[in-house]
Amino acid sequence: MSELQAIFQQHPAIWIGVATVFGLLVGSFLNVVINRLPVMMEREWTRECRALLDREEAPADEPFNLVRPRSACPGCGAPIRAWQNIPVLSWLMLRGRCANCGQAIAWQYPLVELASAALTGLAAWHFGPTALALAVFLFGWALLAASIIDLKTQLLPDVFTLPLLWLGLLLPIVLDDYHLSLDQAVLGAVFGYLALWSVYWLFRLLTGKEGMGFGDFKLLAALGAWMGWQLLPLVILLSALAGSLIGIAMIVALRHDRRIPIPFGPYLALAGLVALYLGEPIMAAYLGGAL
């Protein structure tokens, strides 16, 4: 055991506080990922299409990745200074507006930062200063970023779902006291993918339409690897329930067009988080009541 880990174990409040602040900082980076990754994917698809069609390659774009160009106001283009990048606090100090042109700064920024801090602090409190807690940090951050991207673009990037899947399969091998065996994790991944894959093809055969994207299959496979096959029914039930309730509310209250698909990834992510922390007690209570 390292000296730092010993300190955190002796003073859990310090561990939770440090983790929460770190999660807040990561949330600021997640906002960059959420805003830039879809654009990066679109540019990559354009390059691939040009190569397949043997078209003359377009002039090279200015570098655009998670580092370049420097963050700027989308309204006036003024660069964002270091003090304006402090998670949540800078948004409050600026009263939610650009310091240069006064354009409103989207609520996404502080909400993602606060959500990242909350998810990180919760994992630190629940799992303590352990290697599993560090893995769950990554789990929460990936689900948060993937969910927001799915809400905004109806895309679930492989850069989130596939690493989550492989990490879920790796944990039973590298952690001695992990709650799942490798067999349970593999079966969870397989059954998770096949569950939504089967629904997709059944819906397509009956209606001729696509009911969900392949990213949802991969995300449920990743959740299955983390939870094991035993908790998959709970994840599917909770995500379907949340999707139905929120979808009906959007149609009734917000007059959401029924022809416009509603992303399913955020509901899977929410159900996965609930199952991670409360899945076993919920299943034990249900099975105990059923008996």
C-alpha atoms as a PDB file:
ATOM      1  CA  MET A   1       0.000   0.000   0.000  1.00  0.00           C
ATOM      2  CA  SER A   2       1.398   3.413  -0.928  1.00  0.00           C
ATOM      3  CA  GLU A   3       1.790   6.152   1.641  1.00  0.00           C
ATOM      4  CA  LEU A   4      -0.724   8.352  -0.192  1.00  0.00           C
ATOM      5  CA  GLN A   5      -3.286   5.552  -0.254  1.00  0.00           C
ATOM      6  CA  ALA A   6      -2.764   5.029   3.480  1.00  0.00           C
ATOM      7  CA  ILE A   7      -3.456   8.731   4.098  1.00  0.00           C
ATOM      8  CA  PHE A   8      -6.618   8.566   2.037  1.00  0.00           C
ATOM      9  CA  GLN A   9      -7.798   5.496   3.924  1.00  0.00           C
ATOM     10  CA  GLN A  10      -7.183   7.188   7.257  1.00  0.00           C
ATOM     11  CA  HIS A  11      -8.897  10.391   6.109  1.00  0.00           C
ATOM     12  CA  PRO A  12     -11.694   9.415   3.674  1.00  0.00           C
ATOM     13  CA  ALA A  13     -13.019  12.993   3.569  1.00  0.00           C
ATOM     14  CA  ILE A  14      -9.716  14.127   2.032  1.00  0.00           C
ATOM     15  CA  TRP A  15      -9.913  11.326  -0.549  1.00  0.00           C
ATOM     16  CA  ILE A  16     -13.477  12.213  -1.502  1.00  0.00           C
ATOM     17  CA  GLY A  17     -12.675  15.928  -1.643  1.00  0.00           C
ATOM     18  CA  VAL A  18      -9.592  15.465  -3.820  1.00  0.00           C
ATOM     19  CA  ALA A  19     -11.488  13.113  -6.136  1.00  0.00           C
ATOM     20  CA  THR A  20     -14.425  15.523  -6.431  1.00  0.00           C
ATOM     21  CA  VAL A  21     -12.200  18.487  -7.306  1.00  0.00           C
ATOM     22  CA  PHE A  22     -10.350  16.336  -9.831  1.00  0.00           C
ATOM     23  CA  GLY A  23     -13.686  15.299 -11.313  1.00  0.00           C
ATOM     24  CA  LEU A  24     -14.613  18.960 -11.646  1.00  0.00           C
ATOM     25  CA  LEU A  25     -11.418  19.612 -13.634  1.00  0.00           C
ATOM     26  CA  VAL A  26     -12.034  16.555 -15.806  1.00  0.00           C
ATOM     27  CA  GLY A  27     -15.555  17.854 -16.454  1.00  0.00           C
ATOM     28  CA  SER A  28     -14.044  20.958 -18.045  1.00  0.00           C
ATOM     29  CA  PHE A  29     -12.050  18.730 -20.408  1.00  0.00           C
ATOM     30  CA  LEU A  30     -15.143  16.616 -21.125  1.00  0.00           C
ATOM     31  CA  ASN A  31     -16.868  19.745 -22.428  1.00  0.00           C
ATOM     32  CA  VAL A  32     -14.042  20.113 -24.955  1.00  0.00           C
ATOM     33  CA  VAL A  33     -14.450  16.466 -25.980  1.00  0.00           C
ATOM     34  CA  ILE A  34     -18.237  16.807 -26.270  1.00  0.00           C
ATOM     35  CA  ASN A  35     -17.982  19.846 -28.514  1.00  0.00           C
ATOM     36  CA  ARG A  36     -15.039  18.817 -30.686  1.00  0.00           C
ATOM     37  CA  LEU A  37     -15.200  15.037 -31.089  1.00  0.00           C
ATOM     38  CA  PRO A  38     -18.302  15.029 -33.379  1.00  0.00           C
ATOM     39  CA  VAL A  39     -16.641  17.617 -35.636  1.00  0.00           C
ATOM     40  CA  MET A  40     -13.439  15.558 -35.699  1.00  0.00           C
ATOM     41  CA  MET A  41     -15.460  12.445 -36.623  1.00  0.00           C
ATOM     42  CA  GLU A  42     -17.297  14.287 -39.400  1.00  0.00           C
ATOM     43  CA  ARG A  43     -14.031  15.530 -40.900  1.00  0.00           C
ATOM     44  CA  GLU A  44     -12.566  12.031 -40.769  1.00  0.00           C
ATOM     45  CA  TRP A  45     -15.641  10.600 -42.532  1.00  0.00           C
ATOM     46  CA  THR A  46     -15.333  13.275 -45.236  1.00  0.00           C
ATOM     47  CA  ARG A  47     -11.691  12.355 -45.848  1.00  0.00           C
ATOM     48  CA  GLU A  48     -12.572   8.645 -46.020  1.00  0.00           C
ATOM     49  CA  CYS A  49     -15.420   9.286 -48.481  1.00  0.00           C
ATOM     50  CA  ARG A  50     -13.142  11.321 -50.734  1.00  0.00           C
ATOM     51  CA  ALA A  51     -10.579   8.517 -50.684  1.00  0.00           C
ATOM     52  CA  LEU A  52     -13.210   5.886 -51.562  1.00  0.00           C
ATOM     53  CA  LEU A  53     -14.575   7.995 -54.425  1.00  0.00           C
ATOM     54  CA  ASP A  54     -11.078   8.783 -55.714  1.00  0.00           C
ATOM     55  CA  ARG A  55     -11.917  12.447 -55.576  1.00  0.00           C
ATOM     56  CA  GLU A  56      -9.244  15.082 -55.586  1.00  0.00           C
ATOM     57  CA  GLU A  57      -8.318  15.717 -51.997  1.00  0.00           C
ATOM     58  CA  ALA A  58      -9.592  18.986 -50.612  1.00  0.00           C
ATOM     59  CA  PRO A  59      -7.139  21.537 -49.270  1.00  0.00           C
ATOM     60  CA  ALA A  60      -6.005  20.619 -45.780  1.00  0.00           C
ATOM     61  CA  ASP A  61      -8.141  22.107 -43.036  1.00  0.00           C
ATOM     62  CA  GLU A  62      -6.706  24.035 -40.160  1.00  0.00           C
ATOM     63  CA  PRO A  63      -5.708  21.654 -37.339  1.00  0.00           C
ATOM     64  CA  PHE A  64      -8.770  20.707 -35.318  1.00  0.00           C
ATOM     65  CA  ASN A  65      -8.448  18.308 -32.407  1.00  0.00           C
ATOM     66  CA  LEU A  66      -8.845  18.270 -28.645  1.00  0.00           C
ATOM     67  CA  VAL A  67      -5.925  20.691 -28.244  1.00  0.00           C
ATOM     68  CA  ARG A  68      -6.017  22.967 -31.283  1.00  0.00           C
ATOM     69  CA  PRO A  69      -7.344  25.504 -31.979  1.00  0.00           C
ATOM     70  CA  ARG A  70      -7.416  27.314 -28.675  1.00  0.00           C
ATOM     71  CA  SER A  71     -10.851  27.541 -27.035  1.00  0.00           C
ATOM     72  CA  ALA A  72     -12.724  30.683 -28.054  1.00  0.00           C
ATOM     73  CA  CYS A  73     -16.164  32.252 -27.841  1.00  0.00           C
ATOM     74  CA  PRO A  74     -18.342  30.838 -30.659  1.00  0.00           C
ATOM     75  CA  GLY A  75     -19.971  34.259 -31.064  1.00  0.00           C
ATOM     76  CA  CYS A  76     -17.081  36.709 -31.338  1.00  0.00           C
ATOM     77  CA  GLY A  77     -14.082  34.377 -31.521  1.00  0.00           C
ATOM     78  CA  ALA A  78     -12.348  35.950 -28.528  1.00  0.00           C
ATOM     79  CA  PRO A  79      -9.860  33.497 -26.959  1.00  0.00           C
ATOM     80  CA  ILE A  80     -10.880  32.150 -23.567  1.00  0.00           C
ATOM     81  CA  ARG A  81      -8.334  33.123 -20.935  1.00  0.00           C
ATOM     82  CA  ALA A  82      -7.092  30.855 -18.183  1.00  0.00           C
ATOM     83  CA  TRP A  83      -9.157  32.513 -15.445  1.00  0.00           C
ATOM     84  CA  GLN A  84     -12.263  32.146 -17.616  1.00  0.00           C
ATOM     85  CA  ASN A  85     -11.695  28.377 -17.747  1.00  0.00           C
ATOM     86  CA  ILE A  86     -12.056  27.656 -14.026  1.00  0.00           C
ATOM     87  CA  PRO A  87     -14.799  25.010 -13.775  1.00  0.00           C
ATOM     88  CA  VAL A  88     -18.172  26.403 -12.638  1.00  0.00           C
ATOM     89  CA  LEU A  89     -16.616  29.407 -10.825  1.00  0.00           C
ATOM     90  CA  SER A  90     -15.677  31.241 -14.030  1.00  0.00           C
ATOM     91  CA  TRP A  91     -19.205  30.663 -15.381  1.00  0.00           C
ATOM     92  CA  LEU A  92     -20.644  32.175 -12.196  1.00  0.00           C
ATOM     93  CA  MET A  93     -18.211  35.107 -12.202  1.00  0.00           C
ATOM     94  CA  LEU A  94     -19.084  35.863 -15.827  1.00  0.00           C
ATOM     95  CA  ARG A  95     -22.793  35.409 -15.017  1.00  0.00           C
ATOM     96  CA  GLY A  96     -23.074  32.915 -17.838  1.00  0.00           C
ATOM     97  CA  ARG A  97     -21.954  35.327 -20.549  1.00  0.00           C
ATOM     98  CA  CYS A  98     -18.872  35.933 -22.691  1.00  0.00           C
ATOM     99  CA  ALA A  99     -16.619  38.601 -21.146  1.00  0.00           C
ATOM    100  CA  ASN A 100     -15.999  40.133 -24.579  1.00  0.00           C
ATOM    101  CA  CYS A 101     -19.332  40.159 -26.460  1.00  0.00           C
ATOM    102  CA  GLY A 102     -21.878  39.230 -23.782  1.00  0.00           C
ATOM    103  CA  GLN A 103     -23.234  36.185 -25.634  1.00  0.00           C
ATOM    104  CA  ALA A 104     -24.785  33.608 -23.324  1.00  0.00           C
ATOM    105  CA  ILE A 105     -22.588  30.640 -22.405  1.00  0.00           C
ATOM    106  CA  ALA A 106     -24.495  27.371 -22.677  1.00  0.00           C
ATOM    107  CA  TRP A 107     -25.654  25.708 -19.475  1.00  0.00           C
ATOM    108  CA  GLN A 108     -23.963  22.547 -20.730  1.00  0.00           C
ATOM    109  CA  TYR A 109     -20.597  23.736 -19.410  1.00  0.00           C
ATOM    110  CA  PRO A 110     -21.312  24.066 -15.675  1.00  0.00           C
ATOM    111  CA  LEU A 111     -23.772  21.156 -15.680  1.00  0.00           C
ATOM    112  CA  VAL A 112     -21.251  18.735 -17.220  1.00  0.00           C
ATOM    113  CA  GLU A 113     -18.577  19.914 -14.795  1.00  0.00           C
ATOM    114  CA  LEU A 114     -20.875  19.461 -11.798  1.00  0.00           C
ATOM    115  CA  ALA A 115     -22.068  16.068 -13.043  1.00  0.00           C
ATOM    116  CA  SER A 116     -18.468  14.912 -13.511  1.00  0.00           C
ATOM    117  CA  ALA A 117     -17.591  16.082  -9.990  1.00  0.00           C
ATOM    118  CA  ALA A 118     -20.649  14.328  -8.531  1.00  0.00           C
ATOM    119  CA  LEU A 119     -19.950  11.044 -10.339  1.00  0.00           C
ATOM    120  CA  THR A 120     -16.292  11.104  -9.278  1.00  0.00           C
ATOM    121  CA  GLY A 121     -17.089  11.962  -5.657  1.00  0.00           C
ATOM    122  CA  LEU A 122     -19.739   9.238  -5.515  1.00  0.00           C
ATOM    123  CA  ALA A 123     -17.301   6.627  -6.819  1.00  0.00           C
ATOM    124  CA  ALA A 124     -14.644   7.775  -4.355  1.00  0.00           C
ATOM    125  CA  TRP A 125     -17.105   7.504  -1.442  1.00  0.00           C
ATOM    126  CA  HIS A 126     -18.521   4.142  -2.494  1.00  0.00           C
ATOM    127  CA  PHE A 127     -15.316   2.311  -3.463  1.00  0.00           C
ATOM    128  CA  GLY A 128     -12.730   4.084  -1.308  1.00  0.00           C
ATOM    129  CA  PRO A 129      -9.121   4.758  -2.394  1.00  0.00           C
ATOM    130  CA  THR A 130      -8.821   1.639  -4.557  1.00  0.00           C
ATOM    131  CA  ALA A 131      -7.899   0.708  -8.100  1.00  0.00           C
ATOM    132  CA  LEU A 132     -11.556  -0.113  -8.735  1.00  0.00           C
ATOM    133  CA  ALA A 133     -12.518   3.464  -7.840  1.00  0.00           C
ATOM    134  CA  LEU A 134     -10.096   4.755 -10.488  1.00  0.00           C
ATOM    135  CA  ALA A 135     -11.705   2.444 -13.044  1.00  0.00           C
ATOM    136  CA  VAL A 136     -15.178   3.652 -12.044  1.00  0.00           C
ATOM    137  CA  PHE A 137     -13.975   7.247 -12.486  1.00  0.00           C
ATOM    138  CA  LEU A 138     -13.291   6.409 -16.143  1.00  0.00           C
ATOM    139  CA  PHE A 139     -16.615   4.582 -16.361  1.00  0.00           C
ATOM    140  CA  GLY A 140     -18.573   7.626 -15.178  1.00  0.00           C
ATOM    141  CA  TRP A 141     -16.674  10.129 -17.310  1.00  0.00           C
ATOM    142  CA  ALA A 142     -17.105   8.051 -20.462  1.00  0.00           C
ATOM    143  CA  LEU A 143     -20.836   7.552 -19.871  1.00  0.00           C
ATOM    144  CA  LEU A 144     -21.324  11.262 -19.203  1.00  0.00           C
ATOM    145  CA  ALA A 145     -19.520  12.442 -22.341  1.00  0.00           C
ATOM    146  CA  ALA A 146     -21.100   9.761 -24.542  1.00  0.00           C
ATOM    147  CA  SER A 147     -24.588  10.616 -23.264  1.00  0.00           C
ATOM    148  CA  ILE A 148     -24.282  14.336 -24.004  1.00  0.00           C
ATOM    149  CA  ILE A 149     -22.862  13.668 -27.463  1.00  0.00           C
ATOM    150  CA  ASP A 150     -25.719  11.250 -28.142  1.00  0.00           C
ATOM    151  CA  LEU A 151     -28.271  13.844 -27.019  1.00  0.00           C
ATOM    152  CA  LYS A 152     -26.765  16.490 -29.286  1.00  0.00           C
ATOM    153  CA  THR A 153     -25.889  14.421 -32.364  1.00  0.00           C
ATOM    154  CA  GLN A 154     -27.515  10.969 -31.969  1.00  0.00           C
ATOM    155  CA  LEU A 155     -24.052   9.424 -32.160  1.00  0.00           C
ATOM    156  CA  LEU A 156     -22.417   7.071 -29.651  1.00  0.00           C
ATOM    157  CA  PRO A 157     -18.720   7.200 -30.589  1.00  0.00           C
ATOM    158  CA  ASP A 158     -16.714   3.967 -30.477  1.00  0.00           C
ATOM    159  CA  VAL A 159     -13.997   5.894 -28.688  1.00  0.00           C
ATOM    160  CA  PHE A 160     -16.159   5.607 -25.566  1.00  0.00           C
ATOM    161  CA  THR A 161     -18.072   2.352 -25.942  1.00  0.00           C
ATOM    162  CA  LEU A 162     -15.241   0.059 -27.043  1.00  0.00           C
ATOM    163  CA  PRO A 163     -12.675   1.078 -24.371  1.00  0.00           C
ATOM    164  CA  LEU A 164     -15.430   0.679 -21.758  1.00  0.00           C
ATOM    165  CA  LEU A 165     -16.101  -2.817 -23.088  1.00  0.00           C
ATOM    166  CA  TRP A 166     -12.433  -3.850 -22.994  1.00  0.00           C
ATOM    167  CA  LEU A 167     -11.900  -2.323 -19.562  1.00  0.00           C
ATOM    168  CA  GLY A 168     -14.922  -4.193 -18.228  1.00  0.00           C
ATOM    169  CA  LEU A 169     -13.472  -7.455 -19.550  1.00  0.00           C
ATOM    170  CA  LEU A 170     -10.006  -6.665 -18.178  1.00  0.00           C
ATOM    171  CA  LEU A 171     -10.997  -5.835 -14.603  1.00  0.00           C
ATOM    172  CA  PRO A 172     -11.782  -9.435 -13.547  1.00  0.00           C
ATOM    173  CA  ILE A 173      -8.275 -10.390 -14.686  1.00  0.00           C
ATOM    174  CA  VAL A 174      -6.272  -7.627 -13.000  1.00  0.00           C
ATOM    175  CA  LEU A 175      -8.259  -7.131  -9.766  1.00  0.00           C
ATOM    176  CA  ASP A 176      -8.126 -10.002  -7.309  1.00  0.00           C
ATOM    177  CA  ASP A 177     -11.180  -8.960  -5.299  1.00  0.00           C
ATOM    178  CA  TYR A 178     -13.377  -7.993  -8.247  1.00  0.00           C
ATOM    179  CA  HIS A 179     -17.074  -8.833  -7.841  1.00  0.00           C
ATOM    180  CA  LEU A 180     -17.350 -10.615 -11.210  1.00  0.00           C
ATOM    181  CA  SER A 181     -15.563 -13.555 -12.758  1.00  0.00           C
ATOM    182  CA  LEU A 182     -14.237 -13.305 -16.306  1.00  0.00           C
ATOM    183  CA  ASP A 183     -16.946 -15.744 -17.455  1.00  0.00           C
ATOM    184  CA  GLN A 184     -19.676 -13.491 -16.056  1.00  0.00           C
ATOM    185  CA  ALA A 185     -18.176 -10.409 -17.696  1.00  0.00           C
ATOM    186  CA  VAL A 186     -17.828 -12.100 -21.099  1.00  0.00           C
ATOM    187  CA  LEU A 187     -21.365 -13.456 -20.970  1.00  0.00           C
ATOM    188  CA  GLY A 188     -22.625 -10.023 -19.928  1.00  0.00           C
ATOM    189  CA  ALA A 189     -20.953  -8.435 -22.950  1.00  0.00           C
ATOM    190  CA  VAL A 190     -22.262 -11.076 -25.356  1.00  0.00           C
ATOM    191  CA  PHE A 191     -25.835 -11.070 -24.030  1.00  0.00           C
ATOM    192  CA  GLY A 192     -25.853  -7.275 -23.817  1.00  0.00           C
ATOM    193  CA  TYR A 193     -24.935  -6.890 -27.476  1.00  0.00           C
ATOM    194  CA  LEU A 194     -27.301  -9.617 -28.655  1.00  0.00           C
ATOM    195  CA  ALA A 195     -30.239  -8.258 -26.643  1.00  0.00           C
ATOM    196  CA  LEU A 196     -30.460  -4.952 -28.521  1.00  0.00           C
ATOM    197  CA  TRP A 197     -29.202  -6.461 -31.769  1.00  0.00           C
ATOM    198  CA  SER A 198     -32.185  -8.841 -31.714  1.00  0.00           C
ATOM    199  CA  VAL A 199     -34.621  -6.021 -30.947  1.00  0.00           C
ATOM    200  CA  TYR A 200     -33.131  -3.954 -33.773  1.00  0.00           C
ATOM    201  CA  TRP A 201     -33.594  -6.665 -36.384  1.00  0.00           C
ATOM    202  CA  LEU A 202     -37.044  -7.676 -35.167  1.00  0.00           C
ATOM    203  CA  PHE A 203     -38.207  -4.051 -35.332  1.00  0.00           C
ATOM    204  CA  ARG A 204     -36.637  -3.639 -38.771  1.00  0.00           C
ATOM    205  CA  LEU A 205     -38.300  -6.778 -40.126  1.00  0.00           C
ATOM    206  CA  LEU A 206     -41.707  -5.694 -38.787  1.00  0.00           C
ATOM    207  CA  THR A 207     -41.596  -2.015 -39.745  1.00  0.00           C
ATOM    208  CA  GLY A 208     -38.831  -1.632 -42.320  1.00  0.00           C
ATOM    209  CA  LYS A 209     -37.283   1.078 -40.102  1.00  0.00           C
ATOM    210  CA  GLU A 210     -34.232   1.239 -37.884  1.00  0.00           C
ATOM    211  CA  GLY A 211     -35.252   1.624 -34.246  1.00  0.00           C
ATOM    212  CA  MET A 212     -31.790   2.273 -32.782  1.00  0.00           C
ATOM    213  CA  GLY A 213     -28.144   2.589 -33.713  1.00  0.00           C
ATOM    214  CA  PHE A 214     -25.288   0.132 -33.441  1.00  0.00           C
ATOM    215  CA  GLY A 215     -23.705   2.320 -30.776  1.00  0.00           C
ATOM    216  CA  ASP A 216     -26.501   1.294 -28.402  1.00  0.00           C
ATOM    217  CA  PHE A 217     -25.564  -2.385 -28.909  1.00  0.00           C
ATOM    218  CA  LYS A 218     -21.942  -1.653 -28.042  1.00  0.00           C
ATOM    219  CA  LEU A 219     -22.872   0.427 -25.009  1.00  0.00           C
ATOM    220  CA  LEU A 220     -25.098  -2.305 -23.563  1.00  0.00           C
ATOM    221  CA  ALA A 221     -22.325  -4.829 -24.269  1.00  0.00           C
ATOM    222  CA  ALA A 222     -19.949  -2.622 -22.266  1.00  0.00           C
ATOM    223  CA  LEU A 223     -22.456  -2.333 -19.420  1.00  0.00           C
ATOM    224  CA  GLY A 224     -22.892  -6.103 -19.492  1.00  0.00           C
ATOM    225  CA  ALA A 225     -19.131  -6.540 -19.148  1.00  0.00           C
ATOM    226  CA  TRP A 226     -19.142  -4.283 -16.087  1.00  0.00           C
ATOM    227  CA  MET A 227     -22.318  -5.602 -14.437  1.00  0.00           C
ATOM    228  CA  GLY A 228     -22.338  -9.248 -15.521  1.00  0.00           C
ATOM    229  CA  TRP A 229     -25.189 -10.995 -17.274  1.00  0.00           C
ATOM    230  CA  GLN A 230     -27.222 -11.237 -14.048  1.00  0.00           C
ATOM    231  CA  LEU A 231     -27.912  -7.486 -13.915  1.00  0.00           C
ATOM    232  CA  LEU A 232     -28.623  -7.045 -17.629  1.00  0.00           C
ATOM    233  CA  PRO A 233     -32.422  -7.464 -17.238  1.00  0.00           C
ATOM    234  CA  LEU A 234     -32.411  -4.678 -14.655  1.00  0.00           C
ATOM    235  CA  VAL A 235     -30.371  -2.380 -16.922  1.00  0.00           C
ATOM    236  CA  ILE A 236     -32.683  -3.018 -19.876  1.00  0.00           C
ATOM    237  CA  LEU A 237     -35.816  -2.547 -17.759  1.00  0.00           C
ATOM    238  CA  LEU A 238     -34.609   0.687 -16.150  1.00  0.00           C
ATOM    239  CA  SER A 239     -33.430   2.189 -19.449  1.00  0.00           C
ATOM    240  CA  ALA A 240     -36.686   1.288 -21.203  1.00  0.00           C
ATOM    241  CA  LEU A 241     -38.724   2.737 -18.336  1.00  0.00           C
ATOM    242  CA  ALA A 242     -36.713   5.960 -18.253  1.00  0.00           C
ATOM    243  CA  GLY A 243     -36.850   6.289 -22.038  1.00  0.00           C
ATOM    244  CA  SER A 244     -40.610   5.741 -22.113  1.00  0.00           C
ATOM    245  CA  LEU A 245     -41.397   8.214 -19.345  1.00  0.00           C
ATOM    246  CA  ILE A 246     -39.094  10.944 -20.624  1.00  0.00           C
ATOM    247  CA  GLY A 247     -40.135  10.359 -24.239  1.00  0.00           C
ATOM    248  CA  ILE A 248     -43.836  10.665 -23.385  1.00  0.00           C
ATOM    249  CA  ALA A 249     -43.126  13.801 -21.334  1.00  0.00           C
ATOM    250  CA  MET A 250     -41.243  15.366 -24.267  1.00  0.00           C
ATOM    251  CA  ILE A 251     -44.079  14.590 -26.683  1.00  0.00           C
ATOM    252  CA  VAL A 252     -46.806  15.882 -24.352  1.00  0.00           C
ATOM    253  CA  ALA A 253     -45.134  18.841 -22.655  1.00  0.00           C
ATOM    254  CA  LEU A 254     -42.573  19.945 -25.250  1.00  0.00           C
ATOM    255  CA  ARG A 255     -44.520  18.837 -28.344  1.00  0.00           C
ATOM    256  CA  HIS A 256     -41.551  16.778 -29.543  1.00  0.00           C
ATOM    257  CA  ASP A 257     -42.122  15.488 -33.073  1.00  0.00           C
ATOM    258  CA  ARG A 258     -42.740  11.743 -32.819  1.00  0.00           C
ATOM    259  CA  ARG A 259     -40.972  11.210 -36.134  1.00  0.00           C
ATOM    260  CA  ILE A 260     -37.709  12.532 -34.699  1.00  0.00           C
ATOM    261  CA  PRO A 261     -35.869   9.673 -32.936  1.00  0.00           C
ATOM    262  CA  ILE A 262     -34.927  10.067 -29.292  1.00  0.00           C
ATOM    263  CA  PRO A 263     -31.396   8.908 -28.389  1.00  0.00           C
ATOM    264  CA  PHE A 264     -31.370   5.787 -26.218  1.00  0.00           C
ATOM    265  CA  GLY A 265     -27.747   6.018 -25.054  1.00  0.00           C
ATOM    266  CA  PRO A 266     -28.375   8.420 -22.137  1.00  0.00           C
ATOM    267  CA  TYR A 267     -31.041   6.102 -20.700  1.00  0.00           C
ATOM    268  CA  LEU A 268     -28.711   3.110 -20.967  1.00  0.00           C
ATOM    269  CA  ALA A 269     -25.988   5.121 -19.238  1.00  0.00           C
ATOM    270  CA  LEU A 270     -28.335   6.198 -16.436  1.00  0.00           C
ATOM    271  CA  ALA A 271     -29.557   2.639 -15.956  1.00  0.00           C
ATOM    272  CA  GLY A 272     -25.957   1.406 -15.927  1.00  0.00           C
ATOM    273  CA  LEU A 273     -25.010   3.819 -13.167  1.00  0.00           C
ATOM    274  CA  VAL A 274     -28.037   2.838 -11.090  1.00  0.00           C
ATOM    275  CA  ALA A 275     -27.216  -0.853 -11.575  1.00  0.00           C
ATOM    276  CA  LEU A 276     -23.567  -0.298 -10.636  1.00  0.00           C
ATOM    277  CA  TYR A 277     -24.432   1.153  -7.226  1.00  0.00           C
ATOM    278  CA  LEU A 278     -27.856  -0.294  -6.450  1.00  0.00           C
ATOM    279  CA  GLY A 279     -28.254  -3.261  -8.790  1.00  0.00           C
ATOM    280  CA  GLU A 280     -27.477  -6.026  -6.322  1.00  0.00           C
ATOM    281  CA  PRO A 281     -29.712  -4.619  -3.515  1.00  0.00           C
ATOM    282  CA  ILE A 282     -32.546  -4.074  -6.006  1.00  0.00           C
ATOM    283  CA  MET A 283     -32.285  -7.628  -7.356  1.00  0.00           C
ATOM    284  CA  ALA A 284     -31.986  -9.079  -3.854  1.00  0.00           C
ATOM    285  CA  ALA A 285     -35.092  -7.195  -2.729  1.00  0.00           C
ATOM    286  CA  TYR A 286     -37.010  -8.285  -5.829  1.00  0.00           C
ATOM    287  CA  LEU A 287     -35.991 -11.915  -5.576  1.00  0.00           C
ATOM    288  CA  GLY A 288     -36.666 -11.916  -1.818  1.00  0.00           C
ATOM    289  CA  GLY A 289     -40.117 -10.463  -2.408  1.00  0.00           C
ATOM    290  CA  ALA A 290     -40.770 -12.920  -5.218  1.00  0.00           C
ATOM    291  CA  LEU A 291     -39.910 -15.812  -2.953  1.00  0.00           C
END
